[in-house]
Amino acid sequence: MRSRCRLDESLIYLWGKQGVGRSHLLQAATHRSSSLGEPAVYLPLAQLLDRGVELLDHLEQFELVCIDDLHVIAGKADWEEAMFTCSTACATAVAGCCWRPVAHRGNCLSACLI
């Protein structure tokens, strides 16, 4: 698994081969944030696409946003635009977004943000 991350960045993107634990890491980060009383959300996009792009609205209210399975929105213009809007809102709010090809206030994982 690889990560391209600096401590001053608001987005962290994790990637790796299938089975290396990206989803597990995102779920663990979400659980840890929640256990510390910080609002967190884990969104497995592959299971949530049918709920519509509105799913990505107002995520900047969370301290940690972990978005898994980002690849499933590739080529879907409405989802790509909503994801751009979401990531911009999170960064502006000094929150974050986690995406698996994975976010926490001030950090974002794109497989997760911590």
N, C-alpha and C. Protein backbone atom coordinates (compact mmCIF):
# COMPACT_ATOMS: atom_id res chain seq x y z
N MET A 1 0.85 -1.16 0.00
CA MET A 1 0.00 0.00 0.00
C MET A 1 0.90 1.22 0.00
N ARG A 2 0.46 2.24 -0.70
CA ARG A 2 1.23 3.47 -0.78
C ARG A 2 0.39 4.65 -0.34
N SER A 3 1.05 5.67 0.12
CA SER A 3 0.37 6.90 0.50
C SER A 3 1.24 8.07 0.08
N ARG A 4 0.61 9.07 -0.48
CA ARG A 4 1.29 10.31 -0.80
C ARG A 4 0.74 11.33 0.15
N CYS A 5 1.48 11.69 1.19
CA CYS A 5 0.90 12.52 2.24
C CYS A 5 1.97 13.40 2.88
N ARG A 6 1.61 14.65 3.11
CA ARG A 6 2.39 15.54 3.95
C ARG A 6 1.45 16.00 5.06
N LEU A 7 2.00 16.27 6.22
CA LEU A 7 1.16 16.62 7.36
C LEU A 7 0.35 17.88 7.15
N ASP A 8 0.76 18.76 6.25
CA ASP A 8 0.02 20.00 6.04
C ASP A 8 -1.02 19.87 4.94
N GLU A 9 -1.20 18.70 4.39
CA GLU A 9 -2.18 18.50 3.33
C GLU A 9 -3.54 18.13 3.91
N SER A 10 -4.60 18.50 3.20
CA SER A 10 -5.94 18.17 3.67
C SER A 10 -6.51 16.95 2.97
N LEU A 11 -5.78 16.40 2.03
CA LEU A 11 -6.24 15.22 1.31
C LEU A 11 -5.15 14.16 1.34
N ILE A 12 -5.52 12.97 1.75
CA ILE A 12 -4.60 11.84 1.72
C ILE A 12 -5.22 10.80 0.81
N TYR A 13 -4.45 10.34 -0.13
CA TYR A 13 -4.91 9.35 -1.09
C TYR A 13 -4.12 8.07 -0.88
N LEU A 14 -4.82 6.97 -0.59
CA LEU A 14 -4.18 5.67 -0.41
C LEU A 14 -4.54 4.78 -1.57
N TRP A 15 -3.58 4.02 -2.02
CA TRP A 15 -3.88 3.04 -3.06
C TRP A 15 -3.00 1.82 -2.85
N GLY A 16 -3.45 0.73 -3.38
CA GLY A 16 -2.71 -0.52 -3.26
C GLY A 16 -3.48 -1.63 -3.95
N LYS A 17 -2.86 -2.78 -3.99
CA LYS A 17 -3.50 -3.94 -4.62
C LYS A 17 -4.70 -4.40 -3.81
N GLN A 18 -5.57 -5.11 -4.47
CA GLN A 18 -6.75 -5.65 -3.80
C GLN A 18 -6.31 -6.55 -2.65
N GLY A 19 -6.98 -6.38 -1.51
CA GLY A 19 -6.72 -7.23 -0.36
C GLY A 19 -5.66 -6.74 0.61
N VAL A 20 -5.10 -5.54 0.39
CA VAL A 20 -4.05 -5.06 1.29
C VAL A 20 -4.60 -4.32 2.51
N GLY A 21 -5.91 -4.05 2.55
CA GLY A 21 -6.51 -3.47 3.74
C GLY A 21 -6.94 -2.02 3.65
N ARG A 22 -7.14 -1.50 2.45
CA ARG A 22 -7.57 -0.10 2.33
C ARG A 22 -8.93 0.12 2.99
N SER A 23 -9.90 -0.73 2.68
CA SER A 23 -11.23 -0.57 3.28
C SER A 23 -11.17 -0.74 4.79
N HIS A 24 -10.39 -1.69 5.25
CA HIS A 24 -10.24 -1.92 6.68
C HIS A 24 -9.66 -0.68 7.36
N LEU A 25 -8.65 -0.07 6.74
CA LEU A 25 -8.05 1.15 7.28
C LEU A 25 -9.06 2.28 7.36
N LEU A 26 -9.85 2.45 6.33
CA LEU A 26 -10.87 3.51 6.33
C LEU A 26 -11.90 3.28 7.43
N GLN A 27 -12.36 2.05 7.56
CA GLN A 27 -13.34 1.73 8.59
C GLN A 27 -12.76 1.91 9.99
N ALA A 28 -11.50 1.52 10.17
CA ALA A 28 -10.84 1.68 11.47
C ALA A 28 -10.66 3.16 11.81
N ALA A 29 -10.27 3.97 10.81
CA ALA A 29 -10.09 5.41 11.03
C ALA A 29 -11.43 6.05 11.42
N THR A 30 -12.49 5.65 10.74
CA THR A 30 -13.83 6.17 11.05
C THR A 30 -14.24 5.79 12.46
N HIS A 31 -14.02 4.54 12.82
CA HIS A 31 -14.36 4.06 14.17
C HIS A 31 -13.56 4.81 15.24
N ARG A 32 -12.27 4.97 14.99
CA ARG A 32 -11.40 5.67 15.96
C ARG A 32 -11.85 7.12 16.15
N SER A 33 -12.12 7.81 15.06
CA SER A 33 -12.56 9.19 15.15
C SER A 33 -13.86 9.29 15.94
N SER A 34 -14.79 8.41 15.63
CA SER A 34 -16.08 8.40 16.34
C SER A 34 -15.89 8.11 17.82
N SER A 35 -14.99 7.18 18.15
CA SER A 35 -14.76 6.82 19.56
C SER A 35 -14.15 7.98 20.34
N LEU A 36 -13.51 8.91 19.64
CA LEU A 36 -12.94 10.10 20.27
C LEU A 36 -13.94 11.26 20.31
N GLY A 37 -15.17 10.99 19.86
CA GLY A 37 -16.20 12.01 19.89
C GLY A 37 -16.17 12.95 18.70
N GLU A 38 -15.41 12.60 17.68
CA GLU A 38 -15.33 13.43 16.48
C GLU A 38 -16.23 12.82 15.40
N PRO A 39 -17.13 13.61 14.85
CA PRO A 39 -18.04 13.09 13.82
C PRO A 39 -17.27 12.55 12.62
N ALA A 40 -17.61 11.34 12.22
CA ALA A 40 -16.92 10.69 11.10
C ALA A 40 -17.92 9.88 10.29
N VAL A 41 -17.60 9.69 9.01
CA VAL A 41 -18.49 8.92 8.14
C VAL A 41 -17.64 8.10 7.17
N TYR A 42 -18.07 6.87 6.94
CA TYR A 42 -17.45 5.96 5.96
C TYR A 42 -18.47 5.71 4.86
N LEU A 43 -18.10 5.98 3.61
CA LEU A 43 -19.01 5.82 2.48
C LEU A 43 -18.43 4.86 1.45
N PRO A 44 -18.92 3.61 1.43
CA PRO A 44 -18.49 2.66 0.41
C PRO A 44 -19.29 2.89 -0.87
N LEU A 45 -18.75 3.69 -1.78
CA LEU A 45 -19.51 4.12 -2.95
C LEU A 45 -20.08 2.98 -3.78
N ALA A 46 -19.37 1.87 -3.86
CA ALA A 46 -19.86 0.74 -4.66
C ALA A 46 -21.23 0.27 -4.17
N GLN A 47 -21.51 0.46 -2.88
CA GLN A 47 -22.79 0.03 -2.30
C GLN A 47 -23.81 1.16 -2.24
N LEU A 48 -23.39 2.38 -2.53
CA LEU A 48 -24.27 3.53 -2.31
C LEU A 48 -24.62 4.33 -3.56
N LEU A 49 -24.13 3.93 -4.71
CA LEU A 49 -24.37 4.70 -5.94
C LEU A 49 -25.85 4.93 -6.22
N ASP A 50 -26.68 3.96 -5.92
CA ASP A 50 -28.11 4.08 -6.21
C ASP A 50 -28.80 5.14 -5.34
N ARG A 51 -28.12 5.66 -4.33
CA ARG A 51 -28.72 6.69 -3.46
C ARG A 51 -28.56 8.09 -4.03
N GLY A 52 -27.79 8.24 -5.07
CA GLY A 52 -27.65 9.52 -5.75
C GLY A 52 -26.54 10.40 -5.21
N VAL A 53 -26.18 11.39 -6.01
CA VAL A 53 -25.05 12.27 -5.70
C VAL A 53 -25.30 13.13 -4.46
N GLU A 54 -26.54 13.28 -4.05
CA GLU A 54 -26.86 14.06 -2.85
C GLU A 54 -26.19 13.47 -1.62
N LEU A 55 -25.79 12.22 -1.71
CA LEU A 55 -25.07 11.55 -0.63
C LEU A 55 -23.81 12.32 -0.24
N LEU A 56 -23.24 13.05 -1.18
CA LEU A 56 -22.00 13.79 -0.94
C LEU A 56 -22.22 15.21 -0.44
N ASP A 57 -23.47 15.62 -0.32
CA ASP A 57 -23.78 16.97 0.16
C ASP A 57 -23.47 17.11 1.65
N HIS A 58 -22.90 18.23 2.03
CA HIS A 58 -22.70 18.64 3.42
C HIS A 58 -21.74 17.74 4.21
N LEU A 59 -20.85 17.05 3.55
CA LEU A 59 -19.89 16.20 4.26
C LEU A 59 -18.85 17.01 5.01
N GLU A 60 -18.73 18.30 4.69
CA GLU A 60 -17.76 19.14 5.38
C GLU A 60 -18.06 19.30 6.86
N GLN A 61 -19.26 18.91 7.29
CA GLN A 61 -19.62 18.98 8.71
C GLN A 61 -18.91 17.91 9.54
N PHE A 62 -18.35 16.91 8.89
CA PHE A 62 -17.67 15.83 9.60
C PHE A 62 -16.20 16.14 9.79
N GLU A 63 -15.64 15.64 10.87
CA GLU A 63 -14.21 15.77 11.12
C GLU A 63 -13.43 14.82 10.21
N LEU A 64 -14.03 13.68 9.90
CA LEU A 64 -13.37 12.68 9.06
C LEU A 64 -14.37 12.12 8.07
N VAL A 65 -14.01 12.13 6.81
CA VAL A 65 -14.85 11.57 5.75
C VAL A 65 -14.00 10.55 5.01
N CYS A 66 -14.41 9.30 5.02
CA CYS A 66 -13.69 8.25 4.31
C CYS A 66 -14.56 7.75 3.16
N ILE A 67 -14.09 7.96 1.96
CA ILE A 67 -14.84 7.56 0.77
C ILE A 67 -14.10 6.40 0.11
N ASP A 68 -14.75 5.27 0.06
CA ASP A 68 -14.16 4.05 -0.47
C ASP A 68 -14.69 3.78 -1.87
N ASP A 69 -13.94 3.04 -2.64
CA ASP A 69 -14.36 2.60 -3.98
C ASP A 69 -14.61 3.77 -4.93
N LEU A 70 -13.75 4.76 -4.87
CA LEU A 70 -13.91 5.96 -5.70
C LEU A 70 -13.95 5.62 -7.20
N HIS A 71 -13.29 4.55 -7.56
CA HIS A 71 -13.22 4.18 -8.97
C HIS A 71 -14.59 3.93 -9.61
N VAL A 72 -15.60 3.63 -8.81
CA VAL A 72 -16.92 3.30 -9.38
C VAL A 72 -17.62 4.52 -9.97
N ILE A 73 -17.13 5.73 -9.67
CA ILE A 73 -17.77 6.92 -10.24
C ILE A 73 -17.05 7.42 -11.48
N ALA A 74 -15.96 6.78 -11.86
CA ALA A 74 -15.20 7.21 -13.04
C ALA A 74 -16.10 7.18 -14.28
N GLY A 75 -16.12 8.29 -15.01
CA GLY A 75 -16.93 8.38 -16.21
C GLY A 75 -18.37 8.77 -15.97
N LYS A 76 -18.76 8.93 -14.71
CA LYS A 76 -20.12 9.37 -14.37
C LYS A 76 -20.04 10.86 -14.04
N ALA A 77 -20.34 11.68 -15.03
CA ALA A 77 -20.14 13.13 -14.91
C ALA A 77 -20.81 13.73 -13.68
N ASP A 78 -22.02 13.32 -13.37
CA ASP A 78 -22.73 13.89 -12.21
C ASP A 78 -22.00 13.56 -10.90
N TRP A 79 -21.52 12.33 -10.78
CA TRP A 79 -20.78 11.92 -9.58
C TRP A 79 -19.41 12.60 -9.52
N GLU A 80 -18.73 12.69 -10.65
CA GLU A 80 -17.42 13.34 -10.67
C GLU A 80 -17.54 14.80 -10.25
N GLU A 81 -18.56 15.49 -10.75
CA GLU A 81 -18.78 16.89 -10.37
C GLU A 81 -19.13 17.01 -8.89
N ALA A 82 -19.98 16.11 -8.39
CA ALA A 82 -20.36 16.14 -6.97
C ALA A 82 -19.15 15.85 -6.09
N MET A 83 -18.27 14.95 -6.52
CA MET A 83 -17.07 14.64 -5.74
C MET A 83 -16.12 15.84 -5.72
N PHE A 84 -15.98 16.52 -6.85
CA PHE A 84 -15.16 17.74 -6.90
C PHE A 84 -15.71 18.79 -5.94
N THR A 85 -17.02 19.00 -5.99
CA THR A 85 -17.68 19.97 -5.11
C THR A 85 -17.48 19.58 -3.65
N CYS A 86 -17.62 18.30 -3.36
CA CYS A 86 -17.44 17.80 -1.99
C CYS A 86 -16.02 18.04 -1.51
N SER A 87 -15.04 17.67 -2.31
CA SER A 87 -13.64 17.83 -1.90
C SER A 87 -13.29 19.29 -1.72
N THR A 88 -13.83 20.16 -2.56
CA THR A 88 -13.59 21.60 -2.43
C THR A 88 -14.21 22.12 -1.14
N ALA A 89 -15.44 21.71 -0.85
CA ALA A 89 -16.13 22.15 0.37
C ALA A 89 -15.38 21.66 1.61
N CYS A 90 -14.93 20.42 1.58
CA CYS A 90 -14.19 19.87 2.72
C CYS A 90 -12.88 20.63 2.93
N ALA A 91 -12.16 20.89 1.87
CA ALA A 91 -10.88 21.59 1.97
C ALA A 91 -11.10 23.02 2.47
N THR A 92 -12.14 23.68 1.99
CA THR A 92 -12.46 25.04 2.40
C THR A 92 -12.83 25.09 3.87
N ALA A 93 -13.51 24.04 4.34
CA ALA A 93 -13.94 23.98 5.74
C ALA A 93 -12.81 23.48 6.64
N VAL A 94 -11.66 23.24 6.07
CA VAL A 94 -10.53 22.64 6.77
C VAL A 94 -10.95 21.33 7.39
N ALA A 95 -11.80 20.66 6.69
CA ALA A 95 -12.18 19.31 7.07
C ALA A 95 -11.48 18.42 6.07
N GLY A 96 -12.03 17.30 5.76
CA GLY A 96 -11.36 16.46 4.82
C GLY A 96 -12.25 15.44 4.18
N CYS A 97 -11.69 14.75 3.27
CA CYS A 97 -12.38 13.68 2.56
C CYS A 97 -11.46 12.50 2.38
N CYS A 98 -11.82 11.29 2.72
CA CYS A 98 -11.03 10.08 2.54
C CYS A 98 -11.59 9.32 1.35
N TRP A 99 -10.78 8.92 0.43
CA TRP A 99 -11.27 8.24 -0.75
C TRP A 99 -10.41 7.05 -1.07
N ARG A 100 -11.01 5.98 -1.50
CA ARG A 100 -10.23 4.83 -1.91
C ARG A 100 -10.36 4.72 -3.39
N PRO A 101 -9.29 5.01 -4.04
CA PRO A 101 -9.25 5.52 -5.13
C PRO A 101 -10.72 5.42 -5.31
N VAL A 102 -9.58 7.53 -0.92
CA VAL A 102 -10.13 7.73 0.41
C VAL A 102 -10.06 9.15 0.87
N ALA A 103 -11.13 10.99 4.82
CA ALA A 103 -10.75 12.39 5.12
C ALA A 103 -10.93 12.65 6.62
N HIS A 104 -10.44 13.66 7.74
CA HIS A 104 -10.38 14.14 9.08
C HIS A 104 -10.05 15.60 8.98
N ARG A 105 -10.50 16.35 9.88
CA ARG A 105 -10.28 17.79 9.80
C ARG A 105 -8.81 18.06 9.52
N GLY A 106 -8.56 18.70 8.40
CA GLY A 106 -7.20 19.00 8.02
C GLY A 106 -6.52 17.89 7.25
N ASN A 107 -7.15 16.78 7.08
CA ASN A 107 -6.56 15.65 6.37
C ASN A 107 -7.61 14.91 5.56
N CYS A 108 -7.19 14.25 4.52
CA CYS A 108 -8.16 13.51 3.72
C CYS A 108 -7.54 12.25 3.15
N LEU A 109 -8.16 11.15 3.28
CA LEU A 109 -7.72 9.89 2.68
C LEU A 109 -8.60 9.55 1.51
N SER A 110 -8.06 9.46 0.34
CA SER A 110 -8.88 9.03 -0.77
C SER A 110 -8.68 7.55 -0.90
N ALA A 111 -8.98 6.73 -0.44
CA ALA A 111 -9.26 5.36 -0.14
C ALA A 111 -9.73 5.56 1.27
N CYS A 112 -8.96 7.54 2.37
CA CYS A 112 -9.43 8.05 3.66
C CYS A 112 -8.68 9.28 4.16
N LEU A 113 -9.31 10.16 4.94
CA LEU A 113 -8.70 11.35 5.55
C LEU A 113 -8.58 11.16 7.04
N ILE A 114 -7.42 11.42 7.63
CA ILE A 114 -7.26 11.19 9.06
C ILE A 114 -6.71 12.43 9.74
